[in-house]
């Protein structure tokens, strides 16, 4: 389970980098649209990260490990 959580964290990080690169590429064409698109995608990553059950289970398992 914790292995999947690590992969999720890596995946979210890579998605963020890809979205930043796309925003930089489209910045010259339309700054307003690129900024709105980047903001909405980063909010989507934050929401999916905060509601992901594997992150909650990973946090609980770390608390259990460190409480011993």
PDB file of N, CA and C in Angstrom:
ATOM      1  N   UNK A   1       0.828  -1.191   0.000  1.00  0.00           N
ATOM      2  CA  UNK A   1       0.000   0.000   0.000  1.00  0.00           C
ATOM      3  C   UNK A   1       0.875   1.258   0.000  1.00  0.00           C
ATOM      4  N   UNK A   2       1.928   1.242   0.805  1.00  0.00           N
ATOM      5  CA  UNK A   2       2.766   2.442   0.855  1.00  0.00           C
ATOM      6  C   UNK A   2       3.527   2.633  -0.446  1.00  0.00           C
ATOM      7  N   UNK A   3       3.825   1.534  -1.147  1.00  0.00           N
ATOM      8  CA  UNK A   3       4.487   1.652  -2.436  1.00  0.00           C
ATOM      9  C   UNK A   3       3.605   2.402  -3.430  1.00  0.00           C
ATOM     10  N   UNK A   4       2.295   2.134  -3.397  1.00  0.00           N
ATOM     11  CA  UNK A   4       1.369   2.846  -4.273  1.00  0.00           C
ATOM     12  C   UNK A   4       1.291   4.318  -3.917  1.00  0.00           C
ATOM     13  N   UNK A   5       1.382   4.644  -2.632  1.00  0.00           N
ATOM     14  CA  UNK A   5       1.344   6.037  -2.214  1.00  0.00           C
ATOM     15  C   UNK A   5       2.570   6.783  -2.732  1.00  0.00           C
ATOM     16  N   UNK A   6       3.723   6.133  -2.708  1.00  0.00           N
ATOM     17  CA  UNK A   6       4.934   6.763  -3.229  1.00  0.00           C
ATOM     18  C   UNK A   6       4.797   6.998  -4.729  1.00  0.00           C
ATOM     19  N   UNK A   7       4.231   6.041  -5.430  1.00  0.00           N
ATOM     20  CA  UNK A   7       4.011   6.223  -6.868  1.00  0.00           C
ATOM     21  C   UNK A   7       3.020   7.350  -7.141  1.00  0.00           C
ATOM     22  N   UNK A   8       1.991   7.475  -6.304  1.00  0.00           N
ATOM     23  CA  UNK A   8       1.033   8.571  -6.465  1.00  0.00           C
ATOM     24  C   UNK A   8       1.714   9.922  -6.273  1.00  0.00           C
ATOM     25  N   UNK A   9       2.553  10.027  -5.268  1.00  0.00           N
ATOM     26  CA  UNK A   9       3.256  11.287  -5.026  1.00  0.00           C
ATOM     27  C   UNK A   9       4.142  11.630  -6.221  1.00  0.00           C
ATOM     28  N   UNK A  10       4.868  10.645  -6.729  1.00  0.00           N
ATOM     29  CA  UNK A  10       5.718  10.857  -7.898  1.00  0.00           C
ATOM     30  C   UNK A  10       4.874  11.265  -9.107  1.00  0.00           C
ATOM     31  N   UNK A  11       3.729  10.617  -9.283  1.00  0.00           N
ATOM     32  CA  UNK A  11       2.848  10.931 -10.405  1.00  0.00           C
ATOM     33  C   UNK A  11       2.329  12.367 -10.311  1.00  0.00           C
ATOM     34  N   UNK A  12       1.905  12.794  -9.132  1.00  0.00           N
ATOM     35  CA  UNK A  12       1.418  14.167  -8.971  1.00  0.00           C
ATOM     36  C   UNK A  12       2.527  15.176  -9.237  1.00  0.00           C
ATOM     37  N   UNK A  13       3.728  14.870  -8.803  1.00  0.00           N
ATOM     38  CA  UNK A  13       4.858  15.756  -9.045  1.00  0.00           C
ATOM     39  C   UNK A  13       5.135  15.881 -10.544  1.00  0.00           C
ATOM     40  N   UNK A  14       5.116  14.756 -11.245  1.00  0.00           N
ATOM     41  CA  UNK A  14       5.365  14.785 -12.682  1.00  0.00           C
ATOM     42  C   UNK A  14       4.252  15.506 -13.438  1.00  0.00           C
ATOM     43  N   UNK A  15       3.011  15.318 -13.007  1.00  0.00           N
ATOM     44  CA  UNK A  15       1.902  16.040 -13.637  1.00  0.00           C
ATOM     45  C   UNK A  15       2.073  17.537 -13.454  1.00  0.00           C
ATOM     46  N   UNK A  16       2.480  17.948 -12.268  1.00  0.00           N
ATOM     47  CA  UNK A  16       2.707  19.372 -12.018  1.00  0.00           C
ATOM     48  C   UNK A  16       3.785  19.937 -12.919  1.00  0.00           C
ATOM     49  N   UNK A  17       4.866  19.190 -13.109  1.00  0.00           N
ATOM     50  CA  UNK A  17       5.929  19.654 -14.006  1.00  0.00           C
ATOM     51  C   UNK A  17       5.449  19.757 -15.452  1.00  0.00           C
ATOM     52  N   UNK A  18       4.668  18.787 -15.876  1.00  0.00           N
ATOM     53  CA  UNK A  18       4.138  18.821 -17.240  1.00  0.00           C
ATOM     54  C   UNK A  18       3.205  20.014 -17.426  1.00  0.00           C
ATOM     55  N   UNK A  19       2.367  20.274 -16.437  1.00  0.00           N
ATOM     56  CA  UNK A  19       1.444  21.409 -16.543  1.00  0.00           C
ATOM     57  C   UNK A  19       2.196  22.739 -16.539  1.00  0.00           C
ATOM     58  N   UNK A  20       3.261  22.831 -15.750  1.00  0.00           N
ATOM     59  CA  UNK A  20       4.071  24.049 -15.771  1.00  0.00           C
ATOM     60  C   UNK A  20       4.744  24.240 -17.132  1.00  0.00           C
ATOM     61  N   UNK A  21       5.227  23.162 -17.721  1.00  0.00           N
ATOM     62  CA  UNK A  21       5.858  23.253 -19.037  1.00  0.00           C
ATOM     63  C   UNK A  21       4.848  23.663 -20.105  1.00  0.00           C
ATOM     64  N   UNK A  22       3.655  23.120 -20.029  1.00  0.00           N
ATOM     65  CA  UNK A  22       2.612  23.509 -20.998  1.00  0.00           C
ATOM     66  C   UNK A  22       2.221  24.975 -20.830  1.00  0.00           C
ATOM     67  N   UNK A  23       2.115  25.419 -19.598  1.00  0.00           N
ATOM     68  CA  UNK A  23       1.776  26.822 -19.361  1.00  0.00           C
ATOM     69  C   UNK A  23       2.867  27.736 -19.903  1.00  0.00           C
ATOM     70  N   UNK A  24       4.125  27.357 -19.715  1.00  0.00           N
ATOM     71  CA  UNK A  24       5.227  28.163 -20.244  1.00  0.00           C
ATOM     72  C   UNK A  24       5.204  28.190 -21.774  1.00  0.00           C
ATOM     73  N   UNK A  25       4.853  27.074 -22.393  1.00  0.00           N
ATOM     74  CA  UNK A  25       4.806  27.007 -23.854  1.00  0.00           C
ATOM     75  C   UNK A  25       3.672  27.850 -24.424  1.00  0.00           C
ATOM     76  N   UNK A  26       2.543  27.870 -23.743  1.00  0.00           N
ATOM     77  CA  UNK A  26       1.384  28.612 -24.245  1.00  0.00           C
ATOM     78  C   UNK A  26       1.313  30.036 -23.708  1.00  0.00           C
ATOM     79  N   UNK A  27       2.268  30.427 -22.899  1.00  0.00           N
ATOM     80  CA  UNK A  27       2.235  31.748 -22.274  1.00  0.00           C
ATOM     81  C   UNK A  27       2.271  32.863 -23.314  1.00  0.00           C
ATOM     82  N   UNK A  28       3.037  32.700 -24.373  1.00  0.00           N
ATOM     83  CA  UNK A  28       3.149  33.737 -25.399  1.00  0.00           C
ATOM     84  C   UNK A  28       1.862  33.906 -26.192  1.00  0.00           C
ATOM     85  N   UNK A  29       1.123  32.826 -26.387  1.00  0.00           N
ATOM     86  CA  UNK A  29      -0.094  32.888 -27.193  1.00  0.00           C
ATOM     87  C   UNK A  29      -1.207  33.625 -26.456  1.00  0.00           C
ATOM     88  N   UNK A  30      -1.461  33.241 -25.224  1.00  0.00           N
ATOM     89  CA  UNK A  30      -2.555  33.866 -24.463  1.00  0.00           C
ATOM     90  C   UNK A  30      -2.266  33.710 -22.975  1.00  0.00           C
ATOM     91  N   UNK A  31      -1.787  34.772 -22.358  1.00  0.00           N
ATOM     92  CA  UNK A  31      -1.363  34.707 -20.958  1.00  0.00           C
ATOM     93  C   UNK A  31      -2.529  34.401 -20.021  1.00  0.00           C
ATOM     94  N   UNK A  32      -3.671  35.016 -20.258  1.00  0.00           N
ATOM     95  CA  UNK A  32      -4.820  34.816 -19.369  1.00  0.00           C
ATOM     96  C   UNK A  32      -5.303  33.367 -19.397  1.00  0.00           C
ATOM     97  N   UNK A  33      -5.395  32.827 -20.593  1.00  0.00           N
ATOM     98  CA  UNK A  33      -5.860  31.449 -20.736  1.00  0.00           C
ATOM     99  C   UNK A  33      -4.846  30.459 -20.150  1.00  0.00           C
ATOM    100  N   UNK A  34      -3.567  30.711 -20.360  1.00  0.00           N
ATOM    101  CA  UNK A  34      -2.534  29.830 -19.816  1.00  0.00           C
ATOM    102  C   UNK A  34      -2.529  29.863 -18.288  1.00  0.00           C
ATOM    103  N   UNK A  35      -2.699  31.043 -17.703  1.00  0.00           N
ATOM    104  CA  UNK A  35      -2.719  31.161 -16.241  1.00  0.00           C
ATOM    105  C   UNK A  35      -3.955  30.480 -15.650  1.00  0.00           C
ATOM    106  N   UNK A  36      -5.109  30.672 -16.280  1.00  0.00           N
ATOM    107  CA  UNK A  36      -6.334  30.032 -15.791  1.00  0.00           C
ATOM    108  C   UNK A  36      -6.248  28.518 -15.911  1.00  0.00           C
ATOM    109  N   UNK A  37      -5.703  28.046 -17.003  1.00  0.00           N
ATOM    110  CA  UNK A  37      -5.551  26.605 -17.211  1.00  0.00           C
ATOM    111  C   UNK A  37      -4.591  26.002 -16.183  1.00  0.00           C
ATOM    112  N   UNK A  38      -3.466  26.649 -15.962  1.00  0.00           N
ATOM    113  CA  UNK A  38      -2.496  26.145 -14.987  1.00  0.00           C
ATOM    114  C   UNK A  38      -3.088  26.131 -13.581  1.00  0.00           C
ATOM    115  N   UNK A  39      -3.788  27.196 -13.222  1.00  0.00           N
ATOM    116  CA  UNK A  39      -4.388  27.260 -11.882  1.00  0.00           C
ATOM    117  C   UNK A  39      -5.429  26.160 -11.689  1.00  0.00           C
ATOM    118  N   UNK A  40      -6.269  25.943 -12.695  1.00  0.00           N
ATOM    119  CA  UNK A  40      -7.303  24.915 -12.549  1.00  0.00           C
ATOM    120  C   UNK A  40      -6.695  23.516 -12.479  1.00  0.00           C
ATOM    121  N   UNK A  41      -5.643  23.272 -13.216  1.00  0.00           N
ATOM    122  CA  UNK A  41      -5.000  21.956 -13.172  1.00  0.00           C
ATOM    123  C   UNK A  41      -4.297  21.720 -11.843  1.00  0.00           C
ATOM    124  N   UNK A  42      -3.630  22.742 -11.313  1.00  0.00           N
ATOM    125  CA  UNK A  42      -2.959  22.586 -10.024  1.00  0.00           C
ATOM    126  C   UNK A  42      -3.959  22.417  -8.886  1.00  0.00           C
ATOM    127  N   UNK A  43      -5.100  23.072  -8.978  1.00  0.00           N
ATOM    128  CA  UNK A  43      -6.161  22.866  -7.986  1.00  0.00           C
ATOM    129  C   UNK A  43      -6.684  21.433  -8.096  1.00  0.00           C
ATOM    130  N   UNK A  44      -6.819  20.935  -9.304  1.00  0.00           N
ATOM    131  CA  UNK A  44      -7.249  19.548  -9.498  1.00  0.00           C
ATOM    132  C   UNK A  44      -6.281  18.552  -8.882  1.00  0.00           C
ATOM    133  N   UNK A  45      -4.986  18.801  -9.022  1.00  0.00           N
ATOM    134  CA  UNK A  45      -3.989  17.934  -8.395  1.00  0.00           C
ATOM    135  C   UNK A  45      -4.113  18.001  -6.881  1.00  0.00           C
ATOM    136  N   UNK A  46      -4.274  19.203  -6.341  1.00  0.00           N
ATOM    137  CA  UNK A  46      -4.391  19.360  -4.889  1.00  0.00           C
ATOM    138  C   UNK A  46      -5.627  18.648  -4.348  1.00  0.00           C
ATOM    139  N   UNK A  47      -6.739  18.742  -5.056  1.00  0.00           N
ATOM    140  CA  UNK A  47      -7.968  18.080  -4.612  1.00  0.00           C
ATOM    141  C   UNK A  47      -7.818  16.566  -4.685  1.00  0.00           C
ATOM    142  N   UNK A  48      -7.274  16.061  -5.762  1.00  0.00           N
ATOM    143  CA  UNK A  48      -7.113  14.610  -5.863  1.00  0.00           C
ATOM    144  C   UNK A  48      -6.090  14.094  -4.860  1.00  0.00           C
ATOM    145  N   UNK A  49      -5.079  14.875  -4.562  1.00  0.00           N
ATOM    146  CA  UNK A  49      -4.088  14.484  -3.564  1.00  0.00           C
ATOM    147  C   UNK A  49      -4.706  14.441  -2.167  1.00  0.00           C
ATOM    148  N   UNK A  50      -5.551  15.419  -1.860  1.00  0.00           N
ATOM    149  CA  UNK A  50      -6.137  15.480  -0.516  1.00  0.00           C
ATOM    150  C   UNK A  50      -7.255  14.466  -0.307  1.00  0.00           C
ATOM    151  N   UNK A  51      -7.886  14.003  -1.371  1.00  0.00           N
ATOM    152  CA  UNK A  51      -8.979  13.042  -1.222  1.00  0.00           C
ATOM    153  C   UNK A  51      -8.569  11.613  -1.536  1.00  0.00           C
ATOM    154  N   UNK A  52      -7.307  11.393  -1.817  1.00  0.00           N
ATOM    155  CA  UNK A  52      -6.822  10.066  -2.167  1.00  0.00           C
ATOM    156  C   UNK A  52      -6.725   9.210  -0.907  1.00  0.00           C
ATOM    157  N   UNK A  53      -7.389   8.076  -0.898  1.00  0.00           N
ATOM    158  CA  UNK A  53      -7.423   7.212   0.287  1.00  0.00           C
ATOM    159  C   UNK A  53      -6.057   6.608   0.587  1.00  0.00           C
ATOM    160  N   UNK A  54      -5.237   6.393  -0.438  1.00  0.00           N
ATOM    161  CA  UNK A  54      -3.919   5.805  -0.176  1.00  0.00           C
ATOM    162  C   UNK A  54      -3.031   6.771   0.598  1.00  0.00           C
ATOM    163  N   UNK A  55      -3.208   8.082   0.395  1.00  0.00           N
ATOM    164  CA  UNK A  55      -2.440   9.056   1.172  1.00  0.00           C
ATOM    165  C   UNK A  55      -2.853   9.016   2.640  1.00  0.00           C
ATOM    166  N   UNK A  56      -4.143   8.861   2.903  1.00  0.00           N
ATOM    167  CA  UNK A  56      -4.626   8.764   4.275  1.00  0.00           C
ATOM    168  C   UNK A  56      -4.091   7.506   4.941  1.00  0.00           C
ATOM    169  N   UNK A  57      -4.138   6.403   4.239  1.00  0.00           N
ATOM    170  CA  UNK A  57      -3.631   5.154   4.799  1.00  0.00           C
ATOM    171  C   UNK A  57      -2.121   5.215   5.011  1.00  0.00           C
ATOM    172  N   UNK A  58      -1.420   5.867   4.105  1.00  0.00           N
ATOM    173  CA  UNK A  58       0.019   6.037   4.259  1.00  0.00           C
ATOM    174  C   UNK A  58       0.331   6.860   5.499  1.00  0.00           C
ATOM    175  N   UNK A  59      -0.438   7.915   5.722  1.00  0.00           N
ATOM    176  CA  UNK A  59      -0.251   8.740   6.915  1.00  0.00           C
ATOM    177  C   UNK A  59      -0.525   7.945   8.186  1.00  0.00           C
ATOM    178  N   UNK A  60      -1.593   7.167   8.184  1.00  0.00           N
ATOM    179  CA  UNK A  60      -1.907   6.341   9.354  1.00  0.00           C
ATOM    180  C   UNK A  60      -0.826   5.299   9.614  1.00  0.00           C
ATOM    181  N   UNK A  61      -0.309   4.703   8.556  1.00  0.00           N
ATOM    182  CA  UNK A  61       0.726   3.684   8.753  1.00  0.00           C
ATOM    183  C   UNK A  61       2.004   4.313   9.304  1.00  0.00           C
ATOM    184  N   UNK A  62       2.329   5.523   8.846  1.00  0.00           N
ATOM    185  CA  UNK A  62       3.504   6.196   9.410  1.00  0.00           C
ATOM    186  C   UNK A  62       3.297   6.538  10.878  1.00  0.00           C
ATOM    187  N   UNK A  63       2.091   6.964  11.245  1.00  0.00           N
ATOM    188  CA  UNK A  63       1.808   7.253  12.646  1.00  0.00           C
ATOM    189  C   UNK A  63       1.926   5.989  13.489  1.00  0.00           C
ATOM    190  N   UNK A  64       1.469   4.883  12.964  1.00  0.00           N
ATOM    191  CA  UNK A  64       1.560   3.621  13.689  1.00  0.00           C
ATOM    192  C   UNK A  64       3.016   3.189  13.865  1.00  0.00           C
ATOM    193  N   UNK A  65       3.778   3.331  12.808  1.00  0.00           N
ATOM    194  CA  UNK A  65       5.190   2.926  12.871  1.00  0.00           C
ATOM    195  C   UNK A  65       5.956   3.778  13.879  1.00  0.00           C
ATOM    196  N   UNK A  66       5.725   5.088  13.853  1.00  0.00           N
ATOM    197  CA  UNK A  66       6.483   5.978  14.739  1.00  0.00           C
ATOM    198  C   UNK A  66       5.958   5.972  16.166  1.00  0.00           C
ATOM    199  N   UNK A  67       4.762   5.457  16.392  1.00  0.00           N
ATOM    200  CA  UNK A  67       4.231   5.431  17.762  1.00  0.00           C
ATOM    201  C   UNK A  67       4.742   4.233  18.544  1.00  0.00           C
ATOM    202  N   UNK A  68       5.358   3.272  17.887  1.00  0.00           N
ATOM    203  CA  UNK A  68       5.847   2.063  18.549  1.00  0.00           C
ATOM    204  C   UNK A  68       7.062   2.334  19.305  1.00  0.00           C
TER     205      UNK A  68
END
